[in-house]
């Protein structure tokens, strides 16, 4: 097989691509139809070496064997940011910042309000729908949505991202910048201006961003949790 064809196959079937076999022409020990596997590499002859889920390592021969590429498997990446909450008594005009132990009690109300903010056109990608760069983050991050979460007895805003592969340091940095922008000047700016009613008639305002003591970190950076290493 000529080099250009091999180059095309390598671009079409990069390492880690999930495939499902439809049929294999090997007369001795073919992989059963329907078996799924992960592509390891394409060699110089154009054979697509695959690690099959049943333990087989038979290569696929494009043009002879028939298979389909499966949608990429998604993993969850969370970016944490401090969240603050202001409280207005029923009929009152003065705002009172809630302490941590008070703010965590409002997590369900805040999450319900965050869900109400999602637009129909954001159903698939969430806020990644508005990401306008052509880079590693655009390629690997399928969706981004904000939620609220209680961790270490504190309330956190969380950008929950569905990703298809580990991000490079550069892609993660750009994703953080984008999430921070949505928390401050994009989604979060409008969200923090809309009151959230509590059952007692009082009202709270939740802030994904503030101009001091604020940053955005992965779960590993924030809490020391294990996460896949970044690719280089």
Protein backbone atom coordinates (compact mmCIF):
# COMPACT_ATOMS: atom_id res chain seq x y z
CA UNK A 1 0.00 0.00 0.00
CA UNK A 2 1.38 3.43 -0.91
CA UNK A 3 2.38 5.94 1.75
CA UNK A 4 -0.42 8.41 1.00
CA UNK A 5 -3.05 5.73 1.54
CA UNK A 6 -1.42 4.64 4.81
CA UNK A 7 -1.30 8.27 5.93
CA UNK A 8 -5.02 8.63 5.19
CA UNK A 9 -5.83 5.48 7.16
CA UNK A 10 -3.81 6.70 10.16
CA UNK A 11 -5.63 10.02 10.11
CA UNK A 12 -8.99 8.27 9.81
CA UNK A 13 -8.31 5.66 12.50
CA UNK A 14 -6.13 7.23 15.24
CA UNK A 15 -5.08 5.27 18.30
CA UNK A 16 -7.94 4.82 20.76
CA UNK A 17 -10.71 4.80 18.14
CA UNK A 18 -13.45 2.37 19.14
CA UNK A 19 -14.76 0.07 16.41
CA UNK A 20 -17.32 -2.72 16.06
CA UNK A 21 -16.76 -5.61 13.68
CA UNK A 22 -19.42 -6.40 11.08
CA UNK A 23 -17.57 -9.21 9.28
CA UNK A 24 -14.01 -10.58 9.00
CA UNK A 25 -12.60 -12.59 6.11
CA UNK A 26 -10.00 -14.49 8.16
CA UNK A 27 -10.74 -18.21 7.39
CA UNK A 28 -9.10 -19.62 10.52
CA UNK A 29 -10.04 -17.69 13.64
CA UNK A 30 -12.15 -14.68 12.72
CA UNK A 31 -13.36 -12.29 15.38
CA UNK A 32 -17.12 -12.82 15.86
CA UNK A 33 -19.39 -10.19 14.26
CA UNK A 34 -20.51 -7.53 16.75
CA UNK A 35 -17.27 -7.67 18.76
CA UNK A 36 -16.00 -4.26 19.82
CA UNK A 37 -12.39 -3.20 20.14
CA UNK A 38 -9.91 -0.33 20.26
CA UNK A 39 -7.50 0.57 17.47
CA UNK A 40 -3.84 0.47 18.51
CA UNK A 41 -2.09 1.59 15.31
CA UNK A 42 -2.05 1.33 11.52
CA UNK A 43 1.11 -0.33 10.19
CA UNK A 44 3.00 0.40 6.96
CA UNK A 45 0.92 -2.14 5.01
CA UNK A 46 -2.35 -0.45 6.01
CA UNK A 47 -3.42 -3.16 8.46
CA UNK A 48 -5.41 -1.70 11.35
CA UNK A 49 -4.11 -3.38 14.50
CA UNK A 50 -6.89 -3.69 17.05
CA UNK A 51 -7.21 -4.83 20.65
CA UNK A 52 -10.55 -6.65 20.69
CA UNK A 53 -12.65 -6.82 23.84
CA UNK A 54 -12.70 -10.65 23.59
CA UNK A 55 -8.90 -10.78 23.88
CA UNK A 56 -8.10 -11.23 20.19
CA UNK A 57 -5.48 -9.05 18.53
CA UNK A 58 -6.28 -9.80 14.88
CA UNK A 59 -5.75 -6.78 12.62
CA UNK A 60 -8.46 -5.36 10.41
CA UNK A 61 -7.82 -5.24 6.68
CA UNK A 62 -9.69 -2.27 5.16
CA UNK A 63 -11.41 -3.31 1.95
CA UNK A 64 -11.64 -6.93 3.09
CA UNK A 65 -13.04 -6.73 6.60
CA UNK A 66 -16.12 -4.67 7.38
CA UNK A 67 -16.42 -2.60 10.54
CA UNK A 68 -17.87 0.63 11.84
CA UNK A 69 -16.42 3.39 14.01
CA UNK A 70 -18.24 3.79 17.31
CA UNK A 71 -19.01 7.15 18.90
CA UNK A 72 -16.22 8.17 21.30
CA UNK A 73 -16.64 7.15 24.92
CA UNK A 74 -17.21 10.15 27.15
CA UNK A 75 -15.64 10.79 30.53
CA UNK A 76 -16.55 13.49 33.01
CA UNK A 77 -14.23 16.36 33.88
CA UNK A 78 -15.26 18.76 36.65
CA UNK A 79 -13.93 22.28 37.13
CA UNK A 80 -14.61 23.70 40.60
CA UNK A 81 -15.03 27.37 41.54
CA UNK A 82 -16.10 29.04 44.81
CA UNK A 83 -19.79 29.93 44.87
CA UNK A 84 -21.31 32.60 47.10
CA UNK A 85 -24.96 33.20 47.95
CA UNK A 86 -26.78 36.38 49.02
CA UNK A 87 -29.98 36.14 51.04
CA UNK A 88 -32.97 38.50 51.09
CA UNK A 89 -35.54 38.08 53.85
CA UNK A 90 -39.18 37.96 52.77
CA UNK A 91 -40.07 41.53 51.86
CA UNK A 92 -36.65 42.81 52.80
CA UNK A 93 -34.39 45.00 50.69
CA UNK A 94 -31.01 44.28 52.25
CA UNK A 95 -28.83 41.39 51.12
CA UNK A 96 -26.98 39.19 53.61
CA UNK A 97 -24.14 36.91 52.44
CA UNK A 98 -24.75 33.36 53.65
CA UNK A 99 -22.08 31.55 55.63
CA UNK A 100 -20.86 28.20 54.32
CA UNK A 101 -23.11 26.09 56.54
CA UNK A 102 -26.11 28.15 55.42
CA UNK A 103 -25.23 28.18 51.72
CA UNK A 104 -24.94 24.39 51.44
CA UNK A 105 -28.59 24.06 52.45
CA UNK A 106 -29.56 25.85 49.24
CA UNK A 107 -27.79 23.49 46.82
CA UNK A 108 -30.99 21.83 45.57
CA UNK A 109 -32.70 25.18 44.95
CA UNK A 110 -29.64 26.45 43.06
CA UNK A 111 -29.39 23.33 40.91
CA UNK A 112 -33.06 23.56 40.03
CA UNK A 113 -32.53 27.18 38.99
CA UNK A 114 -29.45 26.25 36.91
CA UNK A 115 -31.50 23.63 35.07
CA UNK A 116 -34.22 26.17 34.31
CA UNK A 117 -31.59 28.41 32.69
CA UNK A 118 -30.64 25.84 30.04
CA UNK A 119 -31.97 26.62 26.58
CA UNK A 120 -33.37 23.97 24.19
CA UNK A 121 -30.54 24.61 21.72
CA UNK A 122 -28.02 23.80 24.49
CA UNK A 123 -29.38 20.30 25.08
CA UNK A 124 -26.50 18.48 23.38
CA UNK A 125 -23.46 20.70 23.93
CA UNK A 126 -24.51 22.92 26.77
CA UNK A 127 -22.40 26.07 26.82
CA UNK A 128 -19.80 24.51 24.49
CA UNK A 129 -22.27 25.43 21.76
CA UNK A 130 -20.82 28.95 21.94
CA UNK A 131 -17.14 27.99 22.00
CA UNK A 132 -15.66 29.68 18.92
CA UNK A 133 -12.08 28.38 18.78
CA UNK A 134 -10.81 25.54 16.62
CA UNK A 135 -8.44 23.84 19.04
CA UNK A 136 -7.99 20.84 21.30
CA UNK A 137 -10.77 21.89 23.64
CA UNK A 138 -13.24 22.23 20.77
CA UNK A 139 -12.18 18.83 19.46
CA UNK A 140 -12.34 16.90 22.72
CA UNK A 141 -14.94 18.64 24.93
CA UNK A 142 -18.45 17.63 23.92
CA UNK A 143 -20.43 19.60 26.49
CA UNK A 144 -20.18 21.99 29.44
CA UNK A 145 -22.92 22.72 31.96
CA UNK A 146 -22.90 24.44 35.34
CA UNK A 147 -24.11 22.74 38.50
CA UNK A 148 -23.73 23.36 42.23
CA UNK A 149 -22.16 20.82 44.55
CA UNK A 150 -21.40 20.47 48.24
CA UNK A 151 -17.89 19.26 49.00
CA UNK A 152 -15.84 19.63 52.19
CA UNK A 153 -18.87 21.34 53.77
CA UNK A 154 -18.73 24.19 51.26
CA UNK A 155 -20.81 25.15 48.26
CA UNK A 156 -19.03 25.04 44.90
CA UNK A 157 -19.98 25.99 41.40
CA UNK A 158 -18.98 23.22 39.01
CA UNK A 159 -18.46 23.29 35.27
CA UNK A 160 -19.26 19.68 34.35
CA UNK A 161 -17.62 18.75 31.04
CA UNK A 162 -18.02 15.62 28.95
CA UNK A 163 -14.74 14.89 27.16
CA UNK A 164 -13.73 12.27 24.61
CA UNK A 165 -10.04 12.09 25.58
CA UNK A 166 -7.50 13.53 27.98
CA UNK A 167 -6.80 17.21 27.38
CA UNK A 168 -3.39 18.68 26.80
CA UNK A 169 -2.24 21.33 29.28
CA UNK A 170 -2.97 23.99 26.67
CA UNK A 171 -6.47 22.68 25.94
CA UNK A 172 -7.29 22.45 29.66
CA UNK A 173 -6.06 26.02 30.19
CA UNK A 174 -8.29 27.27 27.39
CA UNK A 175 -11.23 25.32 28.74
CA UNK A 176 -10.71 26.86 32.17
CA UNK A 177 -10.55 30.34 30.63
CA UNK A 178 -13.77 29.70 28.73
CA UNK A 179 -15.58 28.33 31.79
CA UNK A 180 -14.37 31.32 33.84
CA UNK A 181 -15.66 33.69 31.17
CA UNK A 182 -19.06 31.99 31.18
CA UNK A 183 -19.14 32.13 34.98
CA UNK A 184 -18.35 35.86 35.08
CA UNK A 185 -19.46 37.62 31.89
CA UNK A 186 -21.56 35.03 30.08
CA UNK A 187 -24.02 32.62 31.65
CA UNK A 188 -23.16 33.56 35.22
CA UNK A 189 -23.76 37.28 34.78
CA UNK A 190 -27.39 36.74 33.88
CA UNK A 191 -27.92 33.90 36.34
CA UNK A 192 -26.76 35.88 39.37
CA UNK A 193 -29.30 38.62 38.61
CA UNK A 194 -32.29 36.29 38.84
CA UNK A 195 -33.58 35.55 42.30
CA UNK A 196 -34.24 32.00 43.47
CA UNK A 197 -37.33 31.67 45.65
CA UNK A 198 -37.19 29.55 48.79
CA UNK A 199 -40.15 27.79 50.36
CA UNK A 200 -40.46 30.39 53.13
CA UNK A 201 -40.90 33.22 50.62
CA UNK A 202 -37.37 34.54 50.99
CA UNK A 203 -35.04 34.86 48.03
CA UNK A 204 -31.41 34.06 47.29
CA UNK A 205 -29.00 35.10 44.54
CA UNK A 206 -26.21 32.69 43.66
CA UNK A 207 -22.87 33.82 42.22
CA UNK A 208 -20.64 31.55 40.17
CA UNK A 209 -17.94 34.23 40.12
CA UNK A 210 -16.64 37.01 42.33
CA UNK A 211 -13.86 39.53 41.90
CA UNK A 212 -11.73 38.30 44.83
CA UNK A 213 -10.66 34.97 46.32
CA UNK A 214 -11.79 33.17 43.18
CA UNK A 215 -10.17 30.64 40.89
CA UNK A 216 -11.14 27.60 38.83
CA UNK A 217 -9.50 24.19 39.29
CA UNK A 218 -9.97 20.57 38.39
CA UNK A 219 -11.10 18.14 41.07
CA UNK A 220 -7.52 16.88 41.43
CA UNK A 221 -6.13 20.40 41.82
CA UNK A 222 -8.83 21.48 44.25
CA UNK A 223 -9.24 18.39 46.42
CA UNK A 224 -6.31 16.13 45.56
CA UNK A 225 -8.53 13.58 43.80
CA UNK A 226 -7.00 11.20 41.24
CA UNK A 227 -7.47 12.18 37.61
CA UNK A 228 -5.99 10.96 34.33
CA UNK A 229 -2.69 12.65 33.52
CA UNK A 230 -2.67 15.36 30.90
CA UNK A 231 -1.32 14.43 27.50
CA UNK A 232 1.68 16.31 26.21
